[in-house]
PDB file of all heavy atoms in Angstrom:
ATOM      1  N   PHE A   1     -73.567-142.156-280.221  1.00  0.00           N
ATOM      2  CA  PHE A   1     -72.652-143.264-279.976  1.00  0.00           C
ATOM      3  C   PHE A   1     -73.425-144.562-280.119  1.00  0.00           C
ATOM      4  O   PHE A   1     -74.661-144.594-280.032  1.00  0.00           O
ATOM      5  CB  PHE A   1     -71.998-143.170-278.590  1.00  0.00           C
ATOM      6  CG  PHE A   1     -72.955-143.348-277.437  1.00  0.00           C
ATOM      7  CD1 PHE A   1     -73.227-144.606-276.915  1.00  0.00           C
ATOM      8  CD2 PHE A   1     -73.592-142.248-276.877  1.00  0.00           C
ATOM      9  CE1 PHE A   1     -74.107-144.767-275.857  1.00  0.00           C
ATOM     10  CE2 PHE A   1     -74.476-142.391-275.818  1.00  0.00           C
ATOM     11  CZ  PHE A   1     -74.731-143.653-275.311  1.00  0.00           C
ATOM     12  N   ALA A   2     -72.703-145.630-280.373  1.00  0.00           N
ATOM     13  CA  ALA A   2     -73.281-146.970-280.408  1.00  0.00           C
ATOM     14  C   ALA A   2     -72.487-147.843-279.451  1.00  0.00           C
ATOM     15  O   ALA A   2     -71.258-147.720-279.357  1.00  0.00           O
ATOM     16  CB  ALA A   2     -73.241-147.548-281.822  1.00  0.00           C
ATOM     17  N   ALA A   3     -73.185-148.703-278.725  1.00  0.00           N
ATOM     18  CA  ALA A   3     -72.527-149.546-277.726  1.00  0.00           C
ATOM     19  C   ALA A   3     -73.092-150.953-277.770  1.00  0.00           C
ATOM     20  O   ALA A   3     -74.234-151.168-278.183  1.00  0.00           O
ATOM     21  CB  ALA A   3     -72.700-148.950-276.330  1.00  0.00           C
ATOM     22  N   THR A   4     -72.277-151.895-277.325  1.00  0.00           N
ATOM     23  CA  THR A   4     -72.672-153.295-277.220  1.00  0.00           C
ATOM     24  C   THR A   4     -72.761-153.675-275.753  1.00  0.00           C
ATOM     25  O   THR A   4     -71.832-153.407-274.976  1.00  0.00           O
ATOM     26  CB  THR A   4     -71.650-154.208-277.913  1.00  0.00           C
ATOM     27  OG1 THR A   4     -71.583-153.877-279.303  1.00  0.00           O
ATOM     28  CG2 THR A   4     -72.048-155.668-277.782  1.00  0.00           C
ATOM     29  N   ILE A   5     -73.872-154.277-275.360  1.00  0.00           N
ATOM     30  CA  ILE A   5     -74.037-154.755-273.994  1.00  0.00           C
ATOM     31  C   ILE A   5     -73.278-156.076-273.865  1.00  0.00           C
ATOM     32  O   ILE A   5     -73.581-157.047-274.561  1.00  0.00           O
ATOM     33  CB  ILE A   5     -75.520-154.938-273.651  1.00  0.00           C
ATOM     34  CG1 ILE A   5     -76.242-153.593-273.740  1.00  0.00           C
ATOM     35  CG2 ILE A   5     -75.693-155.543-272.255  1.00  0.00           C
ATOM     36  CD1 ILE A   5     -77.745-153.684-273.643  1.00  0.00           C
ATOM     37  N   VAL A   6     -72.290-156.104-272.995  1.00  0.00           N
ATOM     38  CA  VAL A   6     -71.448-157.295-272.845  1.00  0.00           C
ATOM     39  C   VAL A   6     -71.852-158.128-271.633  1.00  0.00           C
ATOM     40  O   VAL A   6     -71.467-159.302-271.523  1.00  0.00           O
ATOM     41  CB  VAL A   6     -69.966-156.896-272.747  1.00  0.00           C
ATOM     42  CG1 VAL A   6     -69.506-156.245-274.051  1.00  0.00           C
ATOM     43  CG2 VAL A   6     -69.703-155.945-271.583  1.00  0.00           C
ATOM     44  N   ALA A   7     -72.609-157.553-270.732  1.00  0.00           N
ATOM     45  CA  ALA A   7     -73.152-158.232-269.549  1.00  0.00           C
ATOM     46  C   ALA A   7     -74.224-157.315-268.988  1.00  0.00           C
ATOM     47  O   ALA A   7     -74.259-156.122-269.325  1.00  0.00           O
ATOM     48  CB  ALA A   7     -72.051-158.490-268.510  1.00  0.00           C
ATOM     49  N   PRO A   8     -75.136-157.822-268.159  1.00  0.00           N
ATOM     50  CA  PRO A   8     -76.172-156.941-267.606  1.00  0.00           C
ATOM     51  C   PRO A   8     -75.563-155.715-266.923  1.00  0.00           C
ATOM     52  O   PRO A   8     -74.754-155.834-266.004  1.00  0.00           O
ATOM     53  CB  PRO A   8     -76.895-157.853-266.608  1.00  0.00           C
ATOM     54  CG  PRO A   8     -76.705-159.230-267.156  1.00  0.00           C
ATOM     55  CD  PRO A   8     -75.326-159.230-267.748  1.00  0.00           C
ATOM     56  N   GLY A   9     -75.936-154.545-267.412  1.00  0.00           N
ATOM     57  CA  GLY A   9     -75.446-153.305-266.831  1.00  0.00           C
ATOM     58  C   GLY A   9     -74.084-152.851-267.310  1.00  0.00           C
ATOM     59  O   GLY A   9     -73.594-151.807-266.872  1.00  0.00           O
ATOM     60  N   LEU A  10     -73.487-153.589-268.231  1.00  0.00           N
ATOM     61  CA  LEU A  10     -72.148-153.251-268.733  1.00  0.00           C
ATOM     62  C   LEU A  10     -72.187-153.152-270.255  1.00  0.00           C
ATOM     63  O   LEU A  10     -72.782-153.995-270.923  1.00  0.00           O
ATOM     64  CB  LEU A  10     -71.120-154.299-268.312  1.00  0.00           C
ATOM     65  CG  LEU A  10     -70.969-154.535-266.807  1.00  0.00           C
ATOM     66  CD1 LEU A  10     -70.003-155.689-266.555  1.00  0.00           C
ATOM     67  CD2 LEU A  10     -70.483-153.273-266.101  1.00  0.00           C
ATOM     68  N   ALA A  11     -71.540-152.129-270.798  1.00  0.00           N
ATOM     69  CA  ALA A  11     -71.537-151.938-272.251  1.00  0.00           C
ATOM     70  C   ALA A  11     -70.187-151.388-272.694  1.00  0.00           C
ATOM     71  O   ALA A  11     -69.488-150.705-271.938  1.00  0.00           O
ATOM     72  CB  ALA A  11     -72.658-150.985-272.673  1.00  0.00           C
ATOM     73  N   ARG A  12     -69.851-151.684-273.950  1.00  0.00           N
ATOM     74  CA  ARG A  12     -68.603-151.218-274.546  1.00  0.00           C
ATOM     75  C   ARG A  12     -68.932-150.361-275.762  1.00  0.00           C
ATOM     76  O   ARG A  12     -69.796-150.723-276.569  1.00  0.00           O
ATOM     77  CB  ARG A  12     -67.725-152.412-274.944  1.00  0.00           C
ATOM     78  CG  ARG A  12     -66.319-152.043-275.380  1.00  0.00           C
ATOM     79  CD  ARG A  12     -65.477-153.295-275.606  1.00  0.00           C
ATOM     80  NE  ARG A  12     -65.315-154.059-274.375  1.00  0.00           N
ATOM     81  CZ  ARG A  12     -64.381-153.811-273.453  1.00  0.00           C
ATOM     82  NH1 ARG A  12     -63.534-152.811-273.639  1.00  0.00           N
ATOM     83  NH2 ARG A  12     -64.288-154.558-272.371  1.00  0.00           N
ATOM     84  N   ILE A  13     -68.260-149.241-275.904  1.00  0.00           N
ATOM     85  CA  ILE A  13     -68.524-148.308-276.992  1.00  0.00           C
ATOM     86  C   ILE A  13     -67.934-148.835-278.294  1.00  0.00           C
ATOM     87  O   ILE A  13     -66.767-149.230-278.350  1.00  0.00           O
ATOM     88  CB  ILE A  13     -67.940-146.920-276.668  1.00  0.00           C
ATOM     89  CG1 ILE A  13     -68.637-146.347-275.433  1.00  0.00           C
ATOM     90  CG2 ILE A  13     -68.110-145.966-277.851  1.00  0.00           C
ATOM     91  CD1 ILE A  13     -68.038-145.060-274.947  1.00  0.00           C
ATOM     92  N   ARG A  14     -68.747-148.841-279.353  1.00  0.00           N
ATOM     93  CA  ARG A  14     -68.296-149.291-280.668  1.00  0.00           C
ATOM     94  C   ARG A  14     -68.117-148.125-281.634  1.00  0.00           C
ATOM     95  O   ARG A  14     -67.296-148.190-282.542  1.00  0.00           O
ATOM     96  CB  ARG A  14     -69.303-150.294-281.252  1.00  0.00           C
ATOM     97  CG  ARG A  14     -69.448-151.563-280.439  1.00  0.00           C
ATOM     98  CD  ARG A  14     -68.118-152.260-280.239  1.00  0.00           C
ATOM     99  NE  ARG A  14     -68.247-153.508-279.497  1.00  0.00           N
ATOM    100  CZ  ARG A  14     -67.208-154.186-279.005  1.00  0.00           C
ATOM    101  NH1 ARG A  14     -65.977-153.724-279.162  1.00  0.00           N
ATOM    102  NH2 ARG A  14     -67.406-155.301-278.349  1.00  0.00           N
ATOM    103  N   PHE A  15     -68.903-147.085-281.446  1.00  0.00           N
ATOM    104  CA  PHE A  15     -68.803-145.878-282.278  1.00  0.00           C
ATOM    105  C   PHE A  15     -69.067-144.677-281.386  1.00  0.00           C
ATOM    106  O   PHE A  15     -69.909-144.734-280.490  1.00  0.00           O
ATOM    107  CB  PHE A  15     -69.831-145.907-283.410  1.00  0.00           C
ATOM    108  CG  PHE A  15     -70.032-144.558-284.061  1.00  0.00           C
ATOM    109  CD1 PHE A  15     -69.169-144.121-285.055  1.00  0.00           C
ATOM    110  CD2 PHE A  15     -71.066-143.724-283.655  1.00  0.00           C
ATOM    111  CE1 PHE A  15     -69.337-142.869-285.640  1.00  0.00           C
ATOM    112  CE2 PHE A  15     -71.246-142.477-284.233  1.00  0.00           C
ATOM    113  CZ  PHE A  15     -70.378-142.043-285.232  1.00  0.00           C
ATOM    114  N   ALA A  16     -68.330-143.588-281.607  1.00  0.00           N
ATOM    115  CA  ALA A  16     -68.562-142.364-280.837  1.00  0.00           C
ATOM    116  C   ALA A  16     -68.372-141.166-281.747  1.00  0.00           C
ATOM    117  O   ALA A  16     -67.401-141.083-282.495  1.00  0.00           O
ATOM    118  CB  ALA A  16     -67.611-142.281-279.643  1.00  0.00           C
ATOM    119  N   GLY A  17     -69.321-140.234-281.668  1.00  0.00           N
ATOM    120  CA  GLY A  17     -69.233-139.013-282.446  1.00  0.00           C
ATOM    121  C   GLY A  17     -68.275-138.006-281.826  1.00  0.00           C
ATOM    122  O   GLY A  17     -67.624-138.260-280.811  1.00  0.00           O
ATOM    123  N   GLN A  18     -68.229-136.828-282.407  1.00  0.00           N
ATOM    124  CA  GLN A  18     -67.256-135.817-282.010  1.00  0.00           C
ATOM    125  C   GLN A  18     -67.476-135.293-280.605  1.00  0.00           C
ATOM    126  O   GLN A  18     -66.510-134.866-279.948  1.00  0.00           O
ATOM    127  CB  GLN A  18     -67.304-134.655-283.002  1.00  0.00           C
ATOM    128  CG  GLN A  18     -66.842-135.034-284.399  1.00  0.00           C
ATOM    129  CD  GLN A  18     -67.084-133.925-285.399  1.00  0.00           C
ATOM    130  OE1 GLN A  18     -68.136-133.275-285.369  1.00  0.00           O
ATOM    131  NE2 GLN A  18     -66.125-133.692-286.275  1.00  0.00           N
ATOM    132  N   GLU A  19     -68.713-135.309-280.125  1.00  0.00           N
ATOM    133  CA  GLU A  19     -68.980-134.758-278.793  1.00  0.00           C
ATOM    134  C   GLU A  19     -68.172-135.487-277.726  1.00  0.00           C
ATOM    135  O   GLU A  19     -67.505-134.860-276.899  1.00  0.00           O
ATOM    136  CB  GLU A  19     -70.471-134.833-278.482  1.00  0.00           C
ATOM    137  CG  GLU A  19     -70.887-134.140-277.198  1.00  0.00           C
ATOM    138  CD  GLU A  19     -71.203-132.664-277.372  1.00  0.00           C
ATOM    139  OE1 GLU A  19     -70.765-132.068-278.380  1.00  0.00           O
ATOM    140  OE2 GLU A  19     -71.853-132.098-276.490  1.00  0.00           O
ATOM    141  N   LEU A  20     -68.209-136.819-277.724  1.00  0.00           N
ATOM    142  CA  LEU A  20     -67.459-137.579-276.732  1.00  0.00           C
ATOM    143  C   LEU A  20     -65.958-137.450-276.959  1.00  0.00           C
ATOM    144  O   LEU A  20     -65.181-137.398-276.000  1.00  0.00           O
ATOM    145  CB  LEU A  20     -67.880-139.048-276.760  1.00  0.00           C
ATOM    146  CG  LEU A  20     -69.210-139.381-276.092  1.00  0.00           C
ATOM    147  CD1 LEU A  20     -69.555-140.849-276.274  1.00  0.00           C
ATOM    148  CD2 LEU A  20     -69.182-139.030-274.604  1.00  0.00           C
ATOM    149  N   GLU A  21     -65.527-137.402-278.206  1.00  0.00           N
ATOM    150  CA  GLU A  21     -64.106-137.255-278.480  1.00  0.00           C
ATOM    151  C   GLU A  21     -63.583-135.926-277.948  1.00  0.00           C
ATOM    152  O   GLU A  21     -62.470-135.849-277.419  1.00  0.00           O
ATOM    153  CB  GLU A  21     -63.843-137.372-279.982  1.00  0.00           C
ATOM    154  CG  GLU A  21     -64.034-138.775-280.519  1.00  0.00           C
ATOM    155  CD  GLU A  21     -63.625-138.893-281.989  1.00  0.00           C
ATOM    156  OE1 GLU A  21     -63.176-137.868-282.550  1.00  0.00           O
ATOM    157  OE2 GLU A  21     -63.744-139.991-282.536  1.00  0.00           O
ATOM    158  N   HIS A  22     -64.376-134.860-278.064  1.00  0.00           N
ATOM    159  CA  HIS A  22     -63.952-133.557-277.568  1.00  0.00           C
ATOM    160  C   HIS A  22     -63.915-133.521-276.045  1.00  0.00           C
ATOM    161  O   HIS A  22     -63.025-132.911-275.455  1.00  0.00           O
ATOM    162  CB  HIS A  22     -64.876-132.460-278.099  1.00  0.00           C
ATOM    163  CG  HIS A  22     -64.518-132.006-279.472  1.00  0.00           C
ATOM    164  ND1 HIS A  22     -63.484-131.140-279.723  1.00  0.00           N
ATOM    165  CD2 HIS A  22     -65.042-132.306-280.686  1.00  0.00           C
ATOM    166  CE1 HIS A  22     -63.380-130.912-281.024  1.00  0.00           C
ATOM    167  NE2 HIS A  22     -64.324-131.619-281.628  1.00  0.00           N
ATOM    168  N   VAL A  23     -64.882-134.158-275.412  1.00  0.00           N
ATOM    169  CA  VAL A  23     -64.907-134.168-273.954  1.00  0.00           C
ATOM    170  C   VAL A  23     -63.684-134.873-273.393  1.00  0.00           C
ATOM    171  O   VAL A  23     -63.050-134.401-272.439  1.00  0.00           O
ATOM    172  CB  VAL A  23     -66.200-134.827-273.430  1.00  0.00           C
ATOM    173  CG1 VAL A  23     -66.124-135.054-271.921  1.00  0.00           C
ATOM    174  CG2 VAL A  23     -67.404-133.957-273.757  1.00  0.00           C
ATOM    175  N   PHE A  24     -63.307-135.996-274.008  1.00  0.00           N
ATOM    176  CA  PHE A  24     -62.217-136.811-273.461  1.00  0.00           C
ATOM    177  C   PHE A  24     -60.881-136.588-274.153  1.00  0.00           C
ATOM    178  O   PHE A  24     -59.848-137.059-273.690  1.00  0.00           O
ATOM    179  CB  PHE A  24     -62.606-138.291-273.505  1.00  0.00           C
ATOM    180  CG  PHE A  24     -63.727-138.614-272.573  1.00  0.00           C
ATOM    181  CD1 PHE A  24     -65.030-138.656-273.024  1.00  0.00           C
ATOM    182  CD2 PHE A  24     -63.491-138.812-271.230  1.00  0.00           C
ATOM    183  CE1 PHE A  24     -66.072-138.916-272.158  1.00  0.00           C
ATOM    184  CE2 PHE A  24     -64.521-139.067-270.354  1.00  0.00           C
ATOM    185  CZ  PHE A  24     -65.827-139.126-270.817  1.00  0.00           C
ATOM    186  N   GLY A  25     -60.897-135.876-275.270  1.00  0.00           N
ATOM    187  CA  GLY A  25     -59.648-135.587-275.952  1.00  0.00           C
ATOM    188  C   GLY A  25     -59.010-136.797-276.595  1.00  0.00           C
ATOM    189  O   GLY A  25     -57.796-136.814-276.824  1.00  0.00           O
ATOM    190  N   MET A  26     -59.812-137.821-276.899  1.00  0.00           N
ATOM    191  CA  MET A  26     -59.260-139.033-277.512  1.00  0.00           C
ATOM    192  C   MET A  26     -60.397-139.853-278.099  1.00  0.00           C
ATOM    193  O   MET A  26     -61.584-139.590-277.850  1.00  0.00           O
ATOM    194  CB  MET A  26     -58.501-139.865-276.484  1.00  0.00           C
ATOM    195  CG  MET A  26     -59.351-140.358-275.338  1.00  0.00           C
ATOM    196  SD  MET A  26     -58.393-141.311-274.144  1.00  0.00           S
ATOM    197  CE  MET A  26     -59.652-141.688-272.929  1.00  0.00           C
ATOM    198  N   ASP A  27     -60.012-140.848-278.864  1.00  0.00           N
ATOM    199  CA  ASP A  27     -60.975-141.793-279.427  1.00  0.00           C
ATOM    200  C   ASP A  27     -61.396-142.762-278.329  1.00  0.00           C
ATOM    201  O   ASP A  27     -60.550-143.450-277.739  1.00  0.00           O
ATOM    202  CB  ASP A  27     -60.313-142.545-280.587  1.00  0.00           C
ATOM    203  CG  ASP A  27     -61.283-143.428-281.352  1.00  0.00           C
ATOM    204  OD1 ASP A  27     -62.422-143.608-280.881  1.00  0.00           O
ATOM    205  OD2 ASP A  27     -60.890-143.949-282.416  1.00  0.00           O
ATOM    206  N   VAL A  28     -62.697-142.807-278.033  1.00  0.00           N
ATOM    207  CA  VAL A  28     -63.178-143.650-276.938  1.00  0.00           C
ATOM    208  C   VAL A  28     -63.728-144.983-277.433  1.00  0.00           C
ATOM    209  O   VAL A  28     -64.242-145.763-276.623  1.00  0.00           O
ATOM    210  CB  VAL A  28     -64.250-142.916-276.104  1.00  0.00           C
ATOM    211  CG1 VAL A  28     -63.669-141.668-275.476  1.00  0.00           C
ATOM    212  CG2 VAL A  28     -65.466-142.572-276.956  1.00  0.00           C
ATOM    213  N   ARG A  29     -63.617-145.258-278.715  1.00  0.00           N
ATOM    214  CA  ARG A  29     -64.101-146.543-279.235  1.00  0.00           C
ATOM    215  C   ARG A  29     -63.372-147.699-278.568  1.00  0.00           C
ATOM    216  O   ARG A  29     -62.158-147.666-278.393  1.00  0.00           O
ATOM    217  CB  ARG A  29     -63.923-146.610-280.744  1.00  0.00           C
ATOM    218  CG  ARG A  29     -64.876-145.719-281.529  1.00  0.00           C
ATOM    219  CD  ARG A  29     -64.604-145.797-283.014  1.00  0.00           C
ATOM    220  NE  ARG A  29     -63.270-145.314-283.339  1.00  0.00           N
ATOM    221  CZ  ARG A  29     -62.735-145.315-284.564  1.00  0.00           C
ATOM    222  NH1 ARG A  29     -63.437-145.776-285.583  1.00  0.00           N
ATOM    223  NH2 ARG A  29     -61.525-144.837-284.761  1.00  0.00           N
ATOM    224  N   GLY A  30     -64.135-148.723-278.207  1.00  0.00           N
ATOM    225  CA  GLY A  30     -63.569-149.893-277.549  1.00  0.00           C
ATOM    226  C   GLY A  30     -63.506-149.788-276.042  1.00  0.00           C
ATOM    227  O   GLY A  30     -63.237-150.784-275.361  1.00  0.00           O
ATOM    228  N   MET A  31     -63.775-148.608-275.499  1.00  0.00           N
ATOM    229  CA  MET A  31     -63.713-148.427-274.051  1.00  0.00           C
ATOM    230  C   MET A  31     -65.024-148.853-273.390  1.00  0.00           C
ATOM    231  O   MET A  31     -66.099-148.716-273.978  1.00  0.00           O
ATOM    232  CB  MET A  31     -63.428-146.956-273.717  1.00  0.00           C
ATOM    233  CG  MET A  31     -62.057-146.479-274.139  1.00  0.00           C
ATOM    234  SD  MET A  31     -61.819-144.706-273.792  1.00  0.00           S
ATOM    235  CE  MET A  31     -62.054-144.668-272.002  1.00  0.00           C
ATOM    236  N   PRO A  32     -64.964-149.359-272.165  1.00  0.00           N
ATOM    237  CA  PRO A  32     -66.207-149.584-271.411  1.00  0.00           C
ATOM    238  C   PRO A  32     -66.890-148.241-271.148  1.00  0.00           C
ATOM    239  O   PRO A  32     -66.217-147.253-270.850  1.00  0.00           O
ATOM    240  CB  PRO A  32     -65.722-150.213-270.103  1.00  0.00           C
ATOM    241  CG  PRO A  32     -64.325-150.647-270.350  1.00  0.00           C
ATOM    242  CD  PRO A  32     -63.764-149.745-271.403  1.00  0.00           C
ATOM    243  N   MET A  33     -68.205-148.208-271.230  1.00  0.00           N
ATOM    244  CA  MET A  33     -68.899-146.958-270.953  1.00  0.00           C
ATOM    245  C   MET A  33     -68.621-146.462-269.543  1.00  0.00           C
ATOM    246  O   MET A  33     -68.538-145.250-269.305  1.00  0.00           O
ATOM    247  CB  MET A  33     -70.409-147.125-271.162  1.00  0.00           C
ATOM    248  CG  MET A  33     -70.833-147.106-272.616  1.00  0.00           C
ATOM    249  SD  MET A  33     -72.643-146.992-272.811  1.00  0.00           S
ATOM    250  CE  MET A  33     -72.971-145.341-272.158  1.00  0.00           C
ATOM    251  N   SER A  34     -68.455-147.371-268.614  1.00  0.00           N
ATOM    252  CA  SER A  34     -68.218-146.967-267.229  1.00  0.00           C
ATOM    253  C   SER A  34     -66.940-146.163-267.073  1.00  0.00           C
ATOM    254  O   SER A  34     -66.824-145.350-266.144  1.00  0.00           O
ATOM    255  CB  SER A  34     -68.174-148.202-266.322  1.00  0.00           C
ATOM    256  OG  SER A  34     -67.145-149.088-266.735  1.00  0.00           O
TER     257      SER A  34
END
């Protein structure tokens, strides 16, 4: 996955491979990592 740090300790996902998509059952791009 690739993420952008938007503030100290906070990041937003920009790219996610199949592993995260399978775990969550959806496209997680654009979501906060938290």
